Amino acid sequence: MQWTDEQISGIRKLASEGFTRRETADKLGISYDALQGKARRLGIEFQKPVKNEYDSDGTQSSKTILKVVRGHKMTPREVLEAHGYDY
């Protein structure tokens, strides 16, 4: 695969923003295997995939929800709504 400077900078940017390899490959429209090989050669580290955590009632924990919306600054109201509270 011939890599463009734009693709490489995209990989670096998304990795620095905390995206996983899978998320980065999907966003850039490239295969996971190609991304993994290129990132390894360039020494780029990625965020580990988020393990879903659930509360006793079966809903995702607020910790998981906040990890999912990484990079998005949330108001207190948005946090409560994401966790299923309606006030």
Protein backbone atom coordinates (compact mmCIF):
# COMPACT_ATOMS: atom_id res chain seq x y z
CA MET A 1 0.00 0.00 0.00
CA GLN A 2 1.27 3.45 -0.88
CA TRP A 3 0.78 5.74 2.12
CA THR A 4 0.13 9.45 1.67
CA ASP A 5 1.35 12.14 4.04
CA GLU A 6 -2.30 12.92 4.75
CA GLN A 7 -3.02 9.34 5.84
CA ILE A 8 0.06 9.22 8.07
CA SER A 9 -0.78 12.55 9.71
CA GLY A 10 -4.37 11.30 10.15
CA ILE A 11 -3.08 8.20 11.93
CA ARG A 12 -0.87 10.27 14.21
CA LYS A 13 -3.67 12.75 14.95
CA LEU A 14 -6.31 10.15 15.80
CA ALA A 15 -3.86 8.14 17.92
CA SER A 16 -2.92 11.28 19.87
CA GLU A 17 -6.62 12.01 20.44
CA GLY A 18 -7.05 8.61 22.09
CA PHE A 19 -8.71 6.58 19.34
CA THR A 20 -8.14 2.83 19.07
CA ARG A 21 -6.62 1.13 16.04
CA ARG A 22 -10.04 -0.13 14.95
CA GLU A 23 -11.65 3.32 15.28
CA THR A 24 -8.77 4.92 13.38
CA ALA A 25 -8.92 2.40 10.54
CA ASP A 26 -12.68 2.92 10.24
CA LYS A 27 -12.38 6.72 10.25
CA LEU A 28 -9.64 6.70 7.61
CA GLY A 29 -11.28 4.01 5.46
CA ILE A 30 -8.29 1.67 5.54
CA SER A 31 -7.95 -1.92 6.67
CA TYR A 32 -7.15 -2.69 10.28
CA ASP A 33 -4.20 -4.87 9.26
CA ALA A 34 -2.66 -2.18 7.04
CA LEU A 35 -3.04 0.39 9.83
CA GLN A 36 -1.57 -1.94 12.42
CA GLY A 37 1.52 -2.64 10.32
CA LYS A 38 2.12 1.01 9.46
CA ALA A 39 1.59 2.17 13.04
CA ARG A 40 4.03 -0.47 14.30
CA ARG A 41 6.67 0.65 11.78
CA LEU A 42 6.17 4.30 12.79
CA GLY A 43 6.10 3.53 16.53
CA ILE A 44 2.59 4.97 16.98
CA GLU A 45 0.76 3.87 20.14
CA PHE A 46 -3.02 3.66 20.35
CA GLN A 47 -5.58 3.71 23.12
CA LYS A 48 -6.62 0.25 24.30
CA PRO A 49 -10.24 -0.67 23.47
CA VAL A 50 -12.73 0.26 26.17
CA LYS A 51 -14.11 -2.64 28.16
CA ASN A 52 -17.83 -2.16 28.65
CA GLU A 53 -18.73 -1.85 32.30
CA TYR A 54 -22.29 -2.27 33.48
CA ASP A 55 -24.11 -1.16 36.59
CA SER A 56 -26.24 -3.59 38.61
CA ASP A 57 -29.35 -2.62 36.63
CA GLY A 58 -27.71 -3.68 33.34
CA THR A 59 -27.09 -0.19 31.95
CA GLN A 60 -23.65 0.98 30.92
CA SER A 61 -21.78 2.70 33.71
CA SER A 62 -21.19 6.42 33.50
CA LYS A 63 -17.45 5.66 33.29
CA THR A 64 -18.01 3.69 30.08
CA ILE A 65 -20.35 6.31 28.64
CA LEU A 66 -17.84 9.09 29.23
CA LYS A 67 -15.06 7.07 27.58
CA VAL A 68 -17.26 6.50 24.54
CA VAL A 69 -17.79 10.23 23.99
CA ARG A 70 -14.07 10.99 24.34
CA GLY A 71 -13.03 14.40 23.20
CA HIS A 72 -16.52 15.82 23.58
CA LYS A 73 -16.86 18.33 26.39
CA MET A 74 -20.12 17.57 28.12
CA THR A 75 -22.27 19.78 30.28
CA PRO A 76 -23.52 18.30 33.54
CA ARG A 77 -26.96 17.96 31.92
CA GLU A 78 -25.50 15.98 28.99
CA VAL A 79 -23.73 13.65 31.41
CA LEU A 80 -26.97 12.97 33.29
CA GLU A 81 -28.92 12.46 30.05
CA ALA A 82 -26.24 10.08 28.74
CA HIS A 83 -26.63 8.06 31.92
CA GLY A 84 -30.38 7.88 31.48
CA TYR A 85 -31.55 10.49 33.94
CA ASP A 86 -34.38 12.81 32.95
CA TYR A 87 -34.78 15.82 35.17
